[in-house]
Amino acid sequence: MTKKNPGAAAVLSFFVPGLGQIYNGELGKGITIVAVTIVCWMITFLYIGFIILVPLWVWAIYDAYTKAEGINSKIEQGGC
């Protein structure tokens, strides 16, 4: 496991929700977030997608940042 840059993970998720998770090595979670984001964008004309999209976007940024910090913490403590 290599150190991750929490800022880079957050910025990636800011531009495309889910990319930060993919950067952190959480491929399944990242692809799921990208897919849900695409569906939300497709149904925004009903205003339903927008209600889900904004919280998902904010959560993806937060999750990517905190996961990268967790990875770095494990590395510094001598874990995988």
N, C-alpha and C. Protein backbone atom coordinates (compact mmCIF):
# COMPACT_ATOMS: atom_id res chain seq x y z
N MET A 1 0.85 -1.18 0.00
CA MET A 1 0.00 0.00 0.00
C MET A 1 0.89 1.24 0.00
N THR A 2 0.55 2.21 -0.82
CA THR A 2 1.34 3.43 -0.89
C THR A 2 0.57 4.59 -0.28
N LYS A 3 1.32 5.58 0.18
CA LYS A 3 0.68 6.77 0.74
C LYS A 3 -0.18 7.45 -0.31
N LYS A 4 -1.26 8.05 0.15
CA LYS A 4 -2.18 8.77 -0.72
C LYS A 4 -2.22 10.23 -0.31
N ASN A 5 -2.47 11.09 -1.26
CA ASN A 5 -2.60 12.51 -0.98
C ASN A 5 -4.08 12.81 -0.76
N PRO A 6 -4.49 13.12 0.50
CA PRO A 6 -5.90 13.39 0.77
C PRO A 6 -6.46 14.54 -0.06
N GLY A 7 -5.64 15.57 -0.28
CA GLY A 7 -6.10 16.70 -1.09
C GLY A 7 -6.38 16.30 -2.52
N ALA A 8 -5.51 15.47 -3.08
CA ALA A 8 -5.71 15.00 -4.45
C ALA A 8 -6.97 14.14 -4.53
N ALA A 9 -7.18 13.29 -3.54
CA ALA A 9 -8.38 12.44 -3.52
C ALA A 9 -9.64 13.30 -3.47
N ALA A 10 -9.63 14.34 -2.64
CA ALA A 10 -10.79 15.22 -2.53
C ALA A 10 -11.02 15.99 -3.83
N VAL A 11 -9.96 16.49 -4.44
CA VAL A 11 -10.09 17.24 -5.69
C VAL A 11 -10.61 16.34 -6.81
N LEU A 12 -10.11 15.12 -6.89
CA LEU A 12 -10.60 14.18 -7.90
C LEU A 12 -12.11 13.94 -7.73
N SER A 13 -12.54 13.76 -6.49
CA SER A 13 -13.97 13.55 -6.24
C SER A 13 -14.78 14.82 -6.45
N PHE A 14 -14.14 15.96 -6.31
CA PHE A 14 -14.85 17.22 -6.58
C PHE A 14 -15.20 17.30 -8.07
N PHE A 15 -14.24 16.96 -8.92
CA PHE A 15 -14.48 17.07 -10.36
C PHE A 15 -15.36 15.94 -10.88
N VAL A 16 -15.11 14.72 -10.42
CA VAL A 16 -15.96 13.57 -10.79
C VAL A 16 -16.14 12.72 -9.54
N PRO A 17 -17.32 12.78 -8.91
CA PRO A 17 -17.54 11.98 -7.71
C PRO A 17 -17.23 10.50 -7.98
N GLY A 18 -16.40 9.93 -7.14
CA GLY A 18 -15.99 8.54 -7.27
C GLY A 18 -14.54 8.37 -7.69
N LEU A 19 -13.98 9.38 -8.36
CA LEU A 19 -12.58 9.26 -8.78
C LEU A 19 -11.63 9.24 -7.58
N GLY A 20 -11.96 9.95 -6.54
CA GLY A 20 -11.12 9.93 -5.34
C GLY A 20 -11.09 8.55 -4.71
N GLN A 21 -12.23 7.85 -4.72
CA GLN A 21 -12.28 6.51 -4.18
C GLN A 21 -11.45 5.56 -5.05
N ILE A 22 -11.54 5.72 -6.37
CA ILE A 22 -10.73 4.90 -7.27
C ILE A 22 -9.25 5.16 -7.03
N TYR A 23 -8.87 6.43 -6.85
CA TYR A 23 -7.49 6.79 -6.54
C TYR A 23 -7.02 6.11 -5.26
N ASN A 24 -7.93 5.99 -4.28
CA ASN A 24 -7.59 5.37 -3.00
C ASN A 24 -7.57 3.85 -3.07
N GLY A 25 -7.91 3.28 -4.22
CA GLY A 25 -7.90 1.83 -4.36
C GLY A 25 -9.24 1.17 -4.09
N GLU A 26 -10.28 1.96 -3.88
CA GLU A 26 -11.62 1.42 -3.64
C GLU A 26 -12.38 1.40 -4.98
N LEU A 27 -12.00 0.49 -5.84
CA LEU A 27 -12.51 0.47 -7.20
C LEU A 27 -14.02 0.26 -7.26
N GLY A 28 -14.53 -0.71 -6.52
CA GLY A 28 -15.97 -0.99 -6.52
C GLY A 28 -16.79 0.19 -6.05
N LYS A 29 -16.35 0.79 -4.93
CA LYS A 29 -17.06 1.95 -4.39
C LYS A 29 -17.00 3.12 -5.37
N GLY A 30 -15.84 3.33 -5.96
CA GLY A 30 -15.68 4.44 -6.90
C GLY A 30 -16.56 4.29 -8.13
N ILE A 31 -16.58 3.09 -8.70
CA ILE A 31 -17.41 2.85 -9.89
C ILE A 31 -18.89 3.01 -9.55
N THR A 32 -19.28 2.54 -8.37
CA THR A 32 -20.68 2.70 -7.94
C THR A 32 -21.05 4.17 -7.82
N ILE A 33 -20.18 4.97 -7.22
CA ILE A 33 -20.45 6.40 -7.06
C ILE A 33 -20.52 7.08 -8.42
N VAL A 34 -19.60 6.75 -9.32
CA VAL A 34 -19.64 7.33 -10.67
C VAL A 34 -20.96 6.96 -11.36
N ALA A 35 -21.37 5.70 -11.26
CA ALA A 35 -22.61 5.25 -11.91
C ALA A 35 -23.83 5.97 -11.33
N VAL A 36 -23.90 6.07 -10.00
CA VAL A 36 -25.03 6.76 -9.37
C VAL A 36 -25.04 8.23 -9.77
N THR A 37 -23.87 8.84 -9.86
CA THR A 37 -23.77 10.24 -10.27
C THR A 37 -24.30 10.42 -11.69
N ILE A 38 -23.95 9.51 -12.58
CA ILE A 38 -24.42 9.60 -13.96
C ILE A 38 -25.95 9.48 -14.01
N VAL A 39 -26.50 8.52 -13.26
CA VAL A 39 -27.96 8.36 -13.21
C VAL A 39 -28.61 9.63 -12.65
N CYS A 40 -28.03 10.18 -11.59
CA CYS A 40 -28.59 11.41 -11.00
C CYS A 40 -28.58 12.55 -12.01
N TRP A 41 -27.49 12.70 -12.75
CA TRP A 41 -27.44 13.75 -13.76
C TRP A 41 -28.51 13.52 -14.83
N MET A 42 -28.74 12.26 -15.18
CA MET A 42 -29.72 11.95 -16.21
C MET A 42 -31.15 12.26 -15.76
N ILE A 43 -31.43 12.16 -14.46
CA ILE A 43 -32.79 12.43 -13.98
C ILE A 43 -32.93 13.79 -13.29
N THR A 44 -31.95 14.65 -13.46
CA THR A 44 -32.07 15.97 -12.82
C THR A 44 -33.21 16.79 -13.39
N PHE A 45 -33.62 16.50 -14.62
CA PHE A 45 -34.73 17.27 -15.17
C PHE A 45 -36.01 17.03 -14.40
N LEU A 46 -36.07 15.98 -13.60
CA LEU A 46 -37.22 15.72 -12.74
C LEU A 46 -37.02 16.30 -11.34
N TYR A 47 -35.88 16.91 -11.11
CA TYR A 47 -35.48 17.48 -9.82
C TYR A 47 -35.20 16.41 -8.77
N ILE A 48 -35.50 15.17 -9.06
CA ILE A 48 -35.21 14.09 -8.12
C ILE A 48 -33.72 13.83 -8.06
N GLY A 49 -33.08 13.79 -9.21
CA GLY A 49 -31.65 13.52 -9.26
C GLY A 49 -30.83 14.56 -8.54
N PHE A 50 -31.24 15.83 -8.63
CA PHE A 50 -30.49 16.90 -7.99
C PHE A 50 -30.53 16.77 -6.48
N ILE A 51 -31.65 16.30 -5.95
CA ILE A 51 -31.79 16.12 -4.50
C ILE A 51 -30.79 15.08 -3.99
N ILE A 52 -30.53 14.07 -4.79
CA ILE A 52 -29.58 13.02 -4.41
C ILE A 52 -28.16 13.41 -4.78
N LEU A 53 -28.00 14.10 -5.90
CA LEU A 53 -26.66 14.39 -6.44
C LEU A 53 -25.82 15.25 -5.52
N VAL A 54 -26.35 16.30 -4.98
CA VAL A 54 -25.56 17.22 -4.16
C VAL A 54 -25.02 16.54 -2.89
N PRO A 55 -25.88 15.86 -2.10
CA PRO A 55 -25.32 15.17 -0.93
C PRO A 55 -24.33 14.07 -1.30
N LEU A 56 -24.59 13.36 -2.40
CA LEU A 56 -23.66 12.33 -2.86
C LEU A 56 -22.31 12.93 -3.20
N TRP A 57 -22.32 14.06 -3.87
CA TRP A 57 -21.10 14.74 -4.28
C TRP A 57 -20.29 15.16 -3.05
N VAL A 58 -20.95 15.78 -2.09
CA VAL A 58 -20.27 16.23 -0.87
C VAL A 58 -19.72 15.03 -0.10
N TRP A 59 -20.52 13.98 0.01
CA TRP A 59 -20.06 12.79 0.73
C TRP A 59 -18.86 12.15 0.03
N ALA A 60 -18.87 12.09 -1.30
CA ALA A 60 -17.76 11.48 -2.04
C ALA A 60 -16.46 12.23 -1.79
N ILE A 61 -16.53 13.56 -1.74
CA ILE A 61 -15.33 14.37 -1.45
C ILE A 61 -14.82 14.06 -0.04
N TYR A 62 -15.73 14.09 0.93
CA TYR A 62 -15.36 13.83 2.32
C TYR A 62 -14.80 12.41 2.49
N ASP A 63 -15.47 11.43 1.90
CA ASP A 63 -15.04 10.04 2.02
C ASP A 63 -13.66 9.82 1.41
N ALA A 64 -13.42 10.39 0.23
CA ALA A 64 -12.12 10.23 -0.43
C ALA A 64 -11.01 10.83 0.43
N TYR A 65 -11.25 12.00 1.00
CA TYR A 65 -10.25 12.67 1.82
C TYR A 65 -9.94 11.85 3.08
N THR A 66 -10.99 11.44 3.80
CA THR A 66 -10.77 10.73 5.06
C THR A 66 -10.18 9.34 4.83
N LYS A 67 -10.55 8.68 3.75
CA LYS A 67 -9.98 7.36 3.45
C LYS A 67 -8.49 7.48 3.15
N ALA A 68 -8.09 8.51 2.39
CA ALA A 68 -6.67 8.72 2.10
C ALA A 68 -5.89 8.98 3.39
N GLU A 69 -6.47 9.75 4.29
CA GLU A 69 -5.81 9.98 5.58
C GLU A 69 -5.68 8.68 6.36
N GLY A 70 -6.72 7.84 6.33
CA GLY A 70 -6.68 6.55 7.02
C GLY A 70 -5.60 5.64 6.45
N ILE A 71 -5.47 5.62 5.13
CA ILE A 71 -4.43 4.81 4.48
C ILE A 71 -3.06 5.29 4.94
N ASN A 72 -2.85 6.58 4.95
CA ASN A 72 -1.57 7.15 5.37
C ASN A 72 -1.28 6.83 6.83
N SER A 73 -2.32 6.88 7.66
CA SER A 73 -2.14 6.59 9.08
C SER A 73 -1.71 5.14 9.29
N LYS A 74 -2.31 4.21 8.54
CA LYS A 74 -1.94 2.80 8.66
C LYS A 74 -0.49 2.58 8.21
N ILE A 75 -0.11 3.26 7.15
CA ILE A 75 1.27 3.13 6.63
C ILE A 75 2.26 3.64 7.67
N GLU A 76 1.96 4.77 8.28
CA GLU A 76 2.86 5.37 9.28
C GLU A 76 2.96 4.51 10.52
N GLN A 77 1.91 3.76 10.84
CA GLN A 77 1.92 2.90 12.02
C GLN A 77 2.54 1.54 11.73
N GLY A 78 2.97 1.34 10.50
CA GLY A 78 3.63 0.10 10.14
C GLY A 78 2.70 -0.97 9.62
N GLY A 79 1.46 -0.61 9.34
CA GLY A 79 0.52 -1.58 8.77
C GLY A 79 0.76 -1.77 7.30
N CYS A 80 -0.08 -2.58 6.67
CA CYS A 80 0.02 -2.88 5.22
C CYS A 80 0.32 -1.65 4.46
